[in-house]
Amino acid sequence: MFKVKYNILLSKLMKDNILKSIHNHNTRQNLNTNYFIQGINNNYGKFKLSYLGPVIWNKLPNEIKSISSLAIF
């Protein structure tokens, strides 16, 4: 999710699938650091990066999400 945020993800297909889920509008919980969590229809969907990545990323503290260096992150 860090690589998606800073546009350094290697796989274009994976990047396109995750970027479709970025939450673009401001809400009280968003603060421009969270990703939108896509709805899923089956148990298989719970293990896809496009679902699990945003779930884990959104649970991180904002101080960690604001780090701009991959080595420090």
C-alpha atoms as a PDB file:
ATOM      1  CA  MET A   1       0.000   0.000   0.000  1.00  0.00           C
ATOM      2  CA  PHE A   2       2.988   2.291   0.625  1.00  0.00           C
ATOM      3  CA  LYS A   3       4.133   1.654  -2.947  1.00  0.00           C
ATOM      4  CA  VAL A   4       0.650   2.385  -4.275  1.00  0.00           C
ATOM      5  CA  LYS A   5       0.551   5.656  -2.348  1.00  0.00           C
ATOM      6  CA  TYR A   6       3.897   6.815  -3.743  1.00  0.00           C
ATOM      7  CA  ASN A   7       3.331   5.369  -7.228  1.00  0.00           C
ATOM      8  CA  ILE A   8       6.236   2.875  -7.175  1.00  0.00           C
ATOM      9  CA  LEU A   9       4.290  -0.385  -7.423  1.00  0.00           C
ATOM     10  CA  LEU A  10       5.825  -2.613 -10.090  1.00  0.00           C
ATOM     11  CA  SER A  11       2.832  -4.512 -11.453  1.00  0.00           C
ATOM     12  CA  LYS A  12       0.609  -2.215 -13.513  1.00  0.00           C
ATOM     13  CA  LEU A  13      -2.308  -4.656 -13.305  1.00  0.00           C
ATOM     14  CA  MET A  14      -2.140  -4.823  -9.507  1.00  0.00           C
ATOM     15  CA  LYS A  15      -1.685  -1.046  -9.271  1.00  0.00           C
ATOM     16  CA  ASP A  16      -4.726  -0.377 -11.459  1.00  0.00           C
ATOM     17  CA  ASN A  17      -6.903  -2.707  -9.363  1.00  0.00           C
ATOM     18  CA  ILE A  18      -5.904  -1.018  -6.101  1.00  0.00           C
ATOM     19  CA  LEU A  19      -6.033   2.553  -7.398  1.00  0.00           C
ATOM     20  CA  LYS A  20      -9.653   2.019  -8.366  1.00  0.00           C
ATOM     21  CA  SER A  21     -10.324   1.655  -4.658  1.00  0.00           C
ATOM     22  CA  ILE A  22      -8.696   4.907  -3.464  1.00  0.00           C
ATOM     23  CA  HIS A  23     -11.109   7.005  -1.466  1.00  0.00           C
ATOM     24  CA  ASN A  24     -11.034  10.387  -3.259  1.00  0.00           C
ATOM     25  CA  HIS A  25     -13.468  12.426  -1.190  1.00  0.00           C
ATOM     26  CA  ASN A  26     -12.941  13.916   2.249  1.00  0.00           C
ATOM     27  CA  THR A  27     -14.799  12.476   5.208  1.00  0.00           C
ATOM     28  CA  ARG A  28     -14.207  12.733   8.949  1.00  0.00           C
ATOM     29  CA  GLN A  29     -12.496   9.337   9.042  1.00  0.00           C
ATOM     30  CA  ASN A  30     -10.560   9.713   5.800  1.00  0.00           C
ATOM     31  CA  LEU A  31      -8.116  12.584   6.428  1.00  0.00           C
ATOM     32  CA  ASN A  32      -6.649  11.760   2.977  1.00  0.00           C
ATOM     33  CA  THR A  33      -4.631   8.831   4.406  1.00  0.00           C
ATOM     34  CA  ASN A  34      -7.097   5.932   4.138  1.00  0.00           C
ATOM     35  CA  TYR A  35      -8.134   3.754   1.230  1.00  0.00           C
ATOM     36  CA  PHE A  36     -11.688   2.839   0.364  1.00  0.00           C
ATOM     37  CA  ILE A  37     -12.441  -0.820   1.153  1.00  0.00           C
ATOM     38  CA  GLN A  38     -14.221  -2.525  -1.721  1.00  0.00           C
ATOM     39  CA  GLY A  39     -17.184  -4.742  -1.005  1.00  0.00           C
ATOM     40  CA  ILE A  40     -16.608  -8.459  -1.460  1.00  0.00           C
ATOM     41  CA  ASN A  41     -19.005 -11.197  -2.500  1.00  0.00           C
ATOM     42  CA  ASN A  42     -17.227 -14.323  -1.308  1.00  0.00           C
ATOM     43  CA  ASN A  43     -14.588 -15.636   1.072  1.00  0.00           C
ATOM     44  CA  TYR A  44     -11.944 -15.649  -1.693  1.00  0.00           C
ATOM     45  CA  GLY A  45     -12.227 -11.857  -1.935  1.00  0.00           C
ATOM     46  CA  LYS A  46     -11.072 -11.442   1.671  1.00  0.00           C
ATOM     47  CA  PHE A  47      -7.590 -12.606   0.664  1.00  0.00           C
ATOM     48  CA  LYS A  48      -7.070 -10.398  -2.379  1.00  0.00           C
ATOM     49  CA  LEU A  49      -4.590  -7.531  -2.114  1.00  0.00           C
ATOM     50  CA  SER A  50      -7.215  -5.074  -3.346  1.00  0.00           C
ATOM     51  CA  TYR A  51      -9.255  -5.849  -0.189  1.00  0.00           C
ATOM     52  CA  LEU A  52      -6.730  -6.891   2.456  1.00  0.00           C
ATOM     53  CA  GLY A  53      -4.186  -4.161   1.618  1.00  0.00           C
ATOM     54  CA  PRO A  54      -6.536  -1.258   2.390  1.00  0.00           C
ATOM     55  CA  VAL A  55      -7.886  -3.035   5.504  1.00  0.00           C
ATOM     56  CA  ILE A  56      -4.395  -3.353   7.002  1.00  0.00           C
ATOM     57  CA  TRP A  57      -3.253   0.110   5.794  1.00  0.00           C
ATOM     58  CA  ASN A  58      -6.277   1.846   7.336  1.00  0.00           C
ATOM     59  CA  LYS A  59      -5.455   0.307  10.734  1.00  0.00           C
ATOM     60  CA  LEU A  60      -1.973   1.875  10.808  1.00  0.00           C
ATOM     61  CA  PRO A  61      -1.489   5.079  12.828  1.00  0.00           C
ATOM     62  CA  ASN A  62      -1.354   8.272  10.724  1.00  0.00           C
ATOM     63  CA  GLU A  63       2.246   8.883  11.859  1.00  0.00           C
ATOM     64  CA  ILE A  64       3.324   5.690  10.103  1.00  0.00           C
ATOM     65  CA  LYS A  65       1.208   6.339   7.011  1.00  0.00           C
ATOM     66  CA  SER A  66       2.820   9.776   6.594  1.00  0.00           C
ATOM     67  CA  ILE A  67       6.393   8.386   6.324  1.00  0.00           C
ATOM     68  CA  SER A  68       7.704   9.167   2.839  1.00  0.00           C
ATOM     69  CA  SER A  69      10.731   6.846   2.724  1.00  0.00           C
ATOM     70  CA  LEU A  70      10.340   3.143   1.964  1.00  0.00           C
ATOM     71  CA  ALA A  71      13.510   2.318   3.919  1.00  0.00           C
ATOM     72  CA  ILE A  72      12.173   4.055   7.046  1.00  0.00           C
ATOM     73  CA  PHE A  73       8.683   2.670   6.566  1.00  0.00           C
END
